Amino acid sequence: MSQWNIAAAQYASRHNCIDAHVQHHLRFIDAAARQQCNLLVFPELSLTGPATDNTTLPEPPSELALQPIADAAHALAITVIAGITLETDGARKKGLALFCPNQRQPMRYPQGSGACLIPGDPQLTIVEGKTELLNIDPLAALYTCSQAVGETRWRDAINRLQCFAHKYAITVLMANSDGHSALWDSSGQLIVRADRGELLLTGTWGKQGWQGDIIPLR
């Protein structure tokens, strides 16, 4: 891996209109493509919005509703991970949609506590539950975490993910809807962290290691 450009989309979905969220995602995808990003990660439930009455998750999006994102991933040669809902045995839960440039339809996964990626491999390895004793694939180069945590929880999340990066010697990218998205290298060193607002947090791996930047969404 000579160079790898990744990004977290800091975007809070505050309603349940999938079509509107899709259009907003396309703006982020276009901005990430202009930064020559290979991967863009959105926060949890980014496409469906939060629970409708604080308890009931929105219904999963249809393939037709997601097609514009699949088309954009294909046209711009960028992999996208977005937050959706899944329905299994009549129960809804948080999930991820993986859009790859070489696939015309997204793959759907349970959200878990995060996902590991191998550059160039068109699939995710979902990390479930507690992360104290994981068998991380040695080829995995990135652990992504899609979150929607507020001020009272983000500090704990940041501390946990920094420790995770150091313990498993893996780069960690967190996309958080309410601010403070961040990137840590495989030693647990913070590369870049965002404040609030709609923006792209980017990371580039090259000869000098990881370099980070913040790109406001215009």
C-alpha atoms as a PDB file:
ATOM      1  CA  MET A   1       0.000   0.000   0.000  1.00  0.00           C
ATOM      2  CA  SER A   2       2.065   2.950  -1.301  1.00  0.00           C
ATOM      3  CA  GLN A   3      -0.694   5.538  -0.804  1.00  0.00           C
ATOM      4  CA  TRP A   4      -4.215   5.382   0.593  1.00  0.00           C
ATOM      5  CA  ASN A   5      -6.634   8.286   0.983  1.00  0.00           C
ATOM      6  CA  ILE A   6      -9.513   7.878   3.433  1.00  0.00           C
ATOM      7  CA  ALA A   7     -12.165  10.178   4.877  1.00  0.00           C
ATOM      8  CA  ALA A   8     -14.856  10.384   7.531  1.00  0.00           C
ATOM      9  CA  ALA A   9     -18.020  12.329   6.706  1.00  0.00           C
ATOM     10  CA  GLN A  10     -19.159  14.278   9.748  1.00  0.00           C
ATOM     11  CA  TYR A  11     -22.879  14.479   9.087  1.00  0.00           C
ATOM     12  CA  ALA A  12     -25.831  14.442  11.489  1.00  0.00           C
ATOM     13  CA  SER A  13     -29.017  12.933  10.050  1.00  0.00           C
ATOM     14  CA  ARG A  14     -31.839  14.657  11.944  1.00  0.00           C
ATOM     15  CA  HIS A  15     -34.880  13.479   9.974  1.00  0.00           C
ATOM     16  CA  ASN A  16     -36.083  10.285   8.299  1.00  0.00           C
ATOM     17  CA  CYS A  17     -36.266  11.316   4.636  1.00  0.00           C
ATOM     18  CA  ILE A  18     -34.022   8.828   2.850  1.00  0.00           C
ATOM     19  CA  ASP A  19     -34.122  10.657  -0.486  1.00  0.00           C
ATOM     20  CA  ALA A  20     -32.879  13.876   1.143  1.00  0.00           C
ATOM     21  CA  HIS A  21     -30.119  11.987   2.947  1.00  0.00           C
ATOM     22  CA  VAL A  22     -29.052  10.333  -0.296  1.00  0.00           C
ATOM     23  CA  GLN A  23     -28.672  13.714  -1.966  1.00  0.00           C
ATOM     24  CA  HIS A  24     -26.623  14.990   0.977  1.00  0.00           C
ATOM     25  CA  HIS A  25     -24.436  11.879   0.846  1.00  0.00           C
ATOM     26  CA  LEU A  26     -23.769  12.563  -2.826  1.00  0.00           C
ATOM     27  CA  ARG A  27     -22.378  15.994  -1.898  1.00  0.00           C
ATOM     28  CA  PHE A  28     -19.967  14.374   0.562  1.00  0.00           C
ATOM     29  CA  ILE A  29     -19.008  11.684  -1.964  1.00  0.00           C
ATOM     30  CA  ASP A  30     -18.286  14.316  -4.612  1.00  0.00           C
ATOM     31  CA  ALA A  31     -16.185  16.307  -2.136  1.00  0.00           C
ATOM     32  CA  ALA A  32     -14.246  13.185  -1.107  1.00  0.00           C
ATOM     33  CA  ALA A  33     -13.645  12.277  -4.758  1.00  0.00           C
ATOM     34  CA  ARG A  34     -12.202  15.750  -5.351  1.00  0.00           C
ATOM     35  CA  GLN A  35      -9.748  14.982  -2.532  1.00  0.00           C
ATOM     36  CA  GLN A  36      -8.898  11.723  -4.368  1.00  0.00           C
ATOM     37  CA  CYS A  37     -10.195   9.622  -1.482  1.00  0.00           C
ATOM     38  CA  ASN A  38     -10.417   5.864  -1.923  1.00  0.00           C
ATOM     39  CA  LEU A  39     -12.745   5.366   1.052  1.00  0.00           C
ATOM     40  CA  LEU A  40     -15.462   7.462   2.704  1.00  0.00           C
ATOM     41  CA  VAL A  41     -17.136   6.456   5.993  1.00  0.00           C
ATOM     42  CA  PHE A  42     -20.397   7.977   7.301  1.00  0.00           C
ATOM     43  CA  PRO A  43     -21.776   7.903  10.871  1.00  0.00           C
ATOM     44  CA  GLU A  44     -24.409   5.434  12.056  1.00  0.00           C
ATOM     45  CA  LEU A  45     -27.928   5.720  10.606  1.00  0.00           C
ATOM     46  CA  SER A  46     -26.674   8.399   8.223  1.00  0.00           C
ATOM     47  CA  LEU A  47     -29.060   7.352   5.441  1.00  0.00           C
ATOM     48  CA  THR A  48     -32.165   6.521   7.464  1.00  0.00           C
ATOM     49  CA  GLY A  49     -32.033   9.019  10.309  1.00  0.00           C
ATOM     50  CA  PRO A  50     -32.511   8.367  14.027  1.00  0.00           C
ATOM     51  CA  ALA A  51     -35.248   6.396  15.737  1.00  0.00           C
ATOM     52  CA  THR A  52     -38.654   7.861  14.924  1.00  0.00           C
ATOM     53  CA  ASP A  53     -39.929   7.935  18.510  1.00  0.00           C
ATOM     54  CA  ASN A  54     -36.642   7.411  20.352  1.00  0.00           C
ATOM     55  CA  THR A  55     -37.237   3.653  20.264  1.00  0.00           C
ATOM     56  CA  THR A  56     -38.330   2.555  16.777  1.00  0.00           C
ATOM     57  CA  LEU A  57     -35.708   2.579  14.038  1.00  0.00           C
ATOM     58  CA  PRO A  58     -36.783   3.663  10.530  1.00  0.00           C
ATOM     59  CA  GLU A  59     -37.458   0.987   7.937  1.00  0.00           C
ATOM     60  CA  PRO A  60     -34.477  -0.164   5.845  1.00  0.00           C
ATOM     61  CA  PRO A  61     -33.916   1.725   2.587  1.00  0.00           C
ATOM     62  CA  SER A  62     -34.796   0.006  -0.693  1.00  0.00           C
ATOM     63  CA  GLU A  63     -32.262  -0.874  -3.378  1.00  0.00           C
ATOM     64  CA  LEU A  64     -33.893   1.752  -5.592  1.00  0.00           C
ATOM     65  CA  ALA A  65     -33.403   4.480  -2.976  1.00  0.00           C
ATOM     66  CA  LEU A  66     -29.716   3.563  -2.611  1.00  0.00           C
ATOM     67  CA  GLN A  67     -28.999   3.304  -6.334  1.00  0.00           C
ATOM     68  CA  PRO A  68     -27.707   6.894  -6.737  1.00  0.00           C
ATOM     69  CA  ILE A  69     -24.980   6.197  -4.170  1.00  0.00           C
ATOM     70  CA  ALA A  70     -24.057   2.915  -5.841  1.00  0.00           C
ATOM     71  CA  ASP A  71     -23.839   4.749  -9.170  1.00  0.00           C
ATOM     72  CA  ALA A  72     -21.649   7.492  -7.658  1.00  0.00           C
ATOM     73  CA  ALA A  73     -19.295   4.966  -6.043  1.00  0.00           C
ATOM     74  CA  HIS A  74     -18.920   3.268  -9.424  1.00  0.00           C
ATOM     75  CA  ALA A  75     -18.474   6.479 -11.431  1.00  0.00           C
ATOM     76  CA  LEU A  76     -16.018   8.102  -8.992  1.00  0.00           C
ATOM     77  CA  ALA A  77     -14.130   4.899  -8.060  1.00  0.00           C
ATOM     78  CA  ILE A  78     -14.662   5.376  -4.326  1.00  0.00           C
ATOM     79  CA  THR A  79     -15.731   2.919  -1.637  1.00  0.00           C
ATOM     80  CA  VAL A  80     -18.465   4.234   0.674  1.00  0.00           C
ATOM     81  CA  ILE A  81     -19.676   2.938   4.035  1.00  0.00           C
ATOM     82  CA  ALA A  82     -22.992   4.474   5.137  1.00  0.00           C
ATOM     83  CA  GLY A  83     -25.331   3.918   8.075  1.00  0.00           C
ATOM     84  CA  ILE A  84     -28.650   2.180   7.456  1.00  0.00           C
ATOM     85  CA  THR A  85     -31.114  -0.051   9.268  1.00  0.00           C
ATOM     86  CA  LEU A  86     -31.599  -3.775   8.755  1.00  0.00           C
ATOM     87  CA  GLU A  87     -34.650  -5.916   9.406  1.00  0.00           C
ATOM     88  CA  THR A  88     -34.188  -9.523  10.501  1.00  0.00           C
ATOM     89  CA  ASP A  89     -37.024 -11.739  11.739  1.00  0.00           C
ATOM     90  CA  GLY A  90     -39.239  -8.688  12.139  1.00  0.00           C
ATOM     91  CA  ALA A  91     -36.718  -6.795  14.275  1.00  0.00           C
ATOM     92  CA  ARG A  92     -34.873  -3.690  13.147  1.00  0.00           C
ATOM     93  CA  LYS A  93     -31.274  -2.936  14.044  1.00  0.00           C
ATOM     94  CA  LYS A  94     -28.471  -0.628  13.036  1.00  0.00           C
ATOM     95  CA  GLY A  95     -26.524  -1.652   9.972  1.00  0.00           C
ATOM     96  CA  LEU A  96     -23.953  -0.636   7.380  1.00  0.00           C
ATOM     97  CA  ALA A  97     -24.226  -0.401   3.613  1.00  0.00           C
ATOM     98  CA  LEU A  98     -20.979  -0.972   1.704  1.00  0.00           C
ATOM     99  CA  PHE A  99     -20.832   0.566  -1.781  1.00  0.00           C
ATOM    100  CA  CYS A 100     -17.869  -0.569  -3.884  1.00  0.00           C
ATOM    101  CA  PRO A 101     -16.816   0.769  -7.298  1.00  0.00           C
ATOM    102  CA  ASN A 102     -16.950  -2.676  -8.909  1.00  0.00           C
ATOM    103  CA  GLN A 103     -20.372  -3.649  -7.522  1.00  0.00           C
ATOM    104  CA  ARG A 104     -23.643  -2.178  -8.743  1.00  0.00           C
ATOM    105  CA  GLN A 105     -25.558  -2.895  -5.523  1.00  0.00           C
ATOM    106  CA  PRO A 106     -24.512  -2.370  -1.909  1.00  0.00           C
ATOM    107  CA  MET A 107     -23.673  -5.123   0.542  1.00  0.00           C
ATOM    108  CA  ARG A 108     -25.483  -4.891   3.892  1.00  0.00           C
ATOM    109  CA  TYR A 109     -24.001  -5.749   7.287  1.00  0.00           C
ATOM    110  CA  PRO A 110     -24.972  -5.411  10.961  1.00  0.00           C
ATOM    111  CA  GLN A 111     -23.219  -2.385  12.419  1.00  0.00           C
ATOM    112  CA  GLY A 112     -21.495  -4.193  15.283  1.00  0.00           C
ATOM    113  CA  SER A 113     -18.962  -2.126  17.198  1.00  0.00           C
ATOM    114  CA  GLY A 114     -16.901  -1.455  14.078  1.00  0.00           C
ATOM    115  CA  ALA A 115     -15.557  -2.949  10.876  1.00  0.00           C
ATOM    116  CA  CYS A 116     -12.111  -3.911   9.579  1.00  0.00           C
ATOM    117  CA  LEU A 117     -10.985  -3.388   5.992  1.00  0.00           C
ATOM    118  CA  ILE A 118      -8.236  -4.730   3.789  1.00  0.00           C
ATOM    119  CA  PRO A 119      -7.366  -2.259   1.000  1.00  0.00           C
ATOM    120  CA  GLY A 120      -8.697  -3.539  -2.304  1.00  0.00           C
ATOM    121  CA  ASP A 121     -10.890  -6.217  -0.701  1.00  0.00           C
ATOM    122  CA  PRO A 122     -14.581  -5.488  -1.472  1.00  0.00           C
ATOM    123  CA  GLN A 123     -15.997  -6.641   1.866  1.00  0.00           C
ATOM    124  CA  LEU A 124     -16.052  -5.789   5.559  1.00  0.00           C
ATOM    125  CA  THR A 125     -15.191  -7.836   8.605  1.00  0.00           C
ATOM    126  CA  ILE A 126     -17.650  -6.775  11.298  1.00  0.00           C
ATOM    127  CA  VAL A 127     -16.387  -6.575  14.871  1.00  0.00           C
ATOM    128  CA  GLU A 128     -19.138  -7.654  17.261  1.00  0.00           C
ATOM    129  CA  GLY A 129     -19.513  -6.886  20.945  1.00  0.00           C
ATOM    130  CA  LYS A 130     -16.553  -6.468  23.248  1.00  0.00           C
ATOM    131  CA  THR A 131     -13.167  -5.799  21.703  1.00  0.00           C
ATOM    132  CA  GLU A 132     -10.802  -7.022  24.409  1.00  0.00           C
ATOM    133  CA  LEU A 133      -9.870 -10.355  22.809  1.00  0.00           C
ATOM    134  CA  LEU A 134     -10.198 -10.009  19.062  1.00  0.00           C
ATOM    135  CA  ASN A 135      -8.398 -11.933  16.373  1.00  0.00           C
ATOM    136  CA  ILE A 136      -7.795  -9.115  13.890  1.00  0.00           C
ATOM    137  CA  ASP A 137      -6.791 -10.218  10.398  1.00  0.00           C
ATOM    138  CA  PRO A 138      -3.095  -9.257  10.029  1.00  0.00           C
ATOM    139  CA  LEU A 139      -3.863  -7.954   6.531  1.00  0.00           C
ATOM    140  CA  ALA A 140      -6.486  -5.520   7.856  1.00  0.00           C
ATOM    141  CA  ALA A 141      -5.173  -1.965   7.537  1.00  0.00           C
ATOM    142  CA  LEU A 142      -8.079  -0.012   9.010  1.00  0.00           C
ATOM    143  CA  TYR A 143     -10.739  -0.264  11.688  1.00  0.00           C
ATOM    144  CA  THR A 144     -13.724   2.009  11.093  1.00  0.00           C
ATOM    145  CA  CYS A 145     -16.269   3.082  13.666  1.00  0.00           C
ATOM    146  CA  SER A 146     -19.565   4.770  12.726  1.00  0.00           C
ATOM    147  CA  GLN A 147     -21.068   6.647  15.668  1.00  0.00           C
ATOM    148  CA  ALA A 148     -23.666   9.219  16.674  1.00  0.00           C
ATOM    149  CA  VAL A 149     -22.565  10.134  20.190  1.00  0.00           C
ATOM    150  CA  GLY A 150     -23.018  13.481  21.900  1.00  0.00           C
ATOM    151  CA  GLU A 151     -20.883  15.508  24.266  1.00  0.00           C
ATOM    152  CA  THR A 152     -21.424  13.197  27.238  1.00  0.00           C
ATOM    153  CA  ARG A 153     -20.187  10.073  25.433  1.00  0.00           C
ATOM    154  CA  TRP A 154     -17.626  11.181  22.849  1.00  0.00           C
ATOM    155  CA  ARG A 155     -14.727  11.450  25.307  1.00  0.00           C
ATOM    156  CA  ASP A 156     -15.158   7.816  26.371  1.00  0.00           C
ATOM    157  CA  ALA A 157     -15.418   6.779  22.709  1.00  0.00           C
ATOM    158  CA  ILE A 158     -12.232   8.636  21.804  1.00  0.00           C
ATOM    159  CA  ASN A 159     -10.270   7.122  24.689  1.00  0.00           C
ATOM    160  CA  ARG A 160     -11.529   3.628  23.854  1.00  0.00           C
ATOM    161  CA  LEU A 161     -10.657   3.892  20.165  1.00  0.00           C
ATOM    162  CA  GLN A 162      -7.208   5.302  20.849  1.00  0.00           C
ATOM    163  CA  CYS A 163      -6.485   2.349  23.137  1.00  0.00           C
ATOM    164  CA  PHE A 164      -7.903  -0.010  20.494  1.00  0.00           C
ATOM    165  CA  ALA A 165      -5.533   1.375  17.822  1.00  0.00           C
ATOM    166  CA  HIS A 166      -2.535   0.895  20.100  1.00  0.00           C
ATOM    167  CA  LYS A 167      -3.529  -2.550  21.378  1.00  0.00           C
ATOM    168  CA  TYR A 168      -4.216  -4.067  17.955  1.00  0.00           C
ATOM    169  CA  ALA A 169      -1.657  -2.002  16.016  1.00  0.00           C
ATOM    170  CA  ILE A 170      -4.267  -0.888  13.493  1.00  0.00           C
ATOM    171  CA  THR A 171      -5.251   2.504  12.117  1.00  0.00           C
ATOM    172  CA  VAL A 172      -8.650   3.662  13.417  1.00  0.00           C
ATOM    173  CA  LEU A 173     -11.070   6.041  11.681  1.00  0.00           C
ATOM    174  CA  MET A 174     -14.132   7.291  13.565  1.00  0.00           C
ATOM    175  CA  ALA A 175     -17.016   9.059  11.808  1.00  0.00           C
ATOM    176  CA  ASN A 176     -19.189  10.729  14.437  1.00  0.00           C
ATOM    177  CA  SER A 177     -22.300  12.659  13.482  1.00  0.00           C
ATOM    178  CA  ASP A 178     -22.150  15.207  16.311  1.00  0.00           C
ATOM    179  CA  GLY A 179     -18.520  16.254  15.967  1.00  0.00           C
ATOM    180  CA  HIS A 180     -15.055  15.112  17.039  1.00  0.00           C
ATOM    181  CA  SER A 181     -14.554  12.582  14.236  1.00  0.00           C
ATOM    182  CA  ALA A 182     -10.947  11.405  14.407  1.00  0.00           C
ATOM    183  CA  LEU A 183      -8.105   9.346  12.934  1.00  0.00           C
ATOM    184  CA  TRP A 184      -5.424   7.472  14.912  1.00  0.00           C
ATOM    185  CA  ASP A 185      -2.423   5.651  13.484  1.00  0.00           C
ATOM    186  CA  SER A 186      -1.494   2.087  14.401  1.00  0.00           C
ATOM    187  CA  SER A 187       0.483   3.238  17.454  1.00  0.00           C
ATOM    188  CA  GLY A 188      -2.542   5.043  18.870  1.00  0.00           C
ATOM    189  CA  GLN A 189      -1.216   8.504  18.028  1.00  0.00           C
ATOM    190  CA  LEU A 190      -3.924  11.019  17.128  1.00  0.00           C
ATOM    191  CA  ILE A 191      -3.415  12.202  13.550  1.00  0.00           C
ATOM    192  CA  VAL A 192      -6.361  14.578  13.217  1.00  0.00           C
ATOM    193  CA  ARG A 193      -9.586  15.350  15.066  1.00  0.00           C
ATOM    194  CA  ALA A 194     -12.477  17.540  13.959  1.00  0.00           C
ATOM    195  CA  ASP A 195     -14.561  20.010  15.913  1.00  0.00           C
ATOM    196  CA  ARG A 196     -18.216  20.478  15.023  1.00  0.00           C
ATOM    197  CA  GLY A 197     -19.950  21.124  11.725  1.00  0.00           C
ATOM    198  CA  GLU A 198     -20.437  19.349   8.426  1.00  0.00           C
ATOM    199  CA  LEU A 199     -17.029  18.440   7.079  1.00  0.00           C
ATOM    200  CA  LEU A 200     -14.684  15.799   5.756  1.00  0.00           C
ATOM    201  CA  LEU A 201     -11.915  14.537   7.995  1.00  0.00           C
ATOM    202  CA  THR A 202      -9.268  13.116   5.667  1.00  0.00           C
ATOM    203  CA  GLY A 203      -6.224  10.935   6.117  1.00  0.00           C
ATOM    204  CA  THR A 204      -3.496  10.121   3.595  1.00  0.00           C
ATOM    205  CA  TRP A 205      -1.044   7.288   4.020  1.00  0.00           C
ATOM    206  CA  GLY A 206       2.276   7.790   2.231  1.00  0.00           C
ATOM    207  CA  LYS A 207       6.021   7.655   2.689  1.00  0.00           C
ATOM    208  CA  GLN A 208       5.822   9.951   5.716  1.00  0.00           C
ATOM    209  CA  GLY A 209       3.115   7.888   7.414  1.00  0.00           C
ATOM    210  CA  TRP A 210      -0.379   9.298   8.027  1.00  0.00           C
ATOM    211  CA  GLN A 211      -1.188  12.933   7.340  1.00  0.00           C
ATOM    212  CA  GLY A 212      -4.588  14.405   8.237  1.00  0.00           C
ATOM    213  CA  ASP A 213      -6.705  17.378   7.203  1.00  0.00           C
ATOM    214  CA  ILE A 214     -10.147  18.938   7.744  1.00  0.00           C
ATOM    215  CA  ILE A 215     -12.179  19.906   4.664  1.00  0.00           C
ATOM    216  CA  PRO A 216     -15.346  21.995   5.280  1.00  0.00           C
ATOM    217  CA  LEU A 217     -18.301  20.897   3.180  1.00  0.00           C
ATOM    218  CA  ARG A 218     -19.239  23.741   0.829  1.00  0.00           C
END
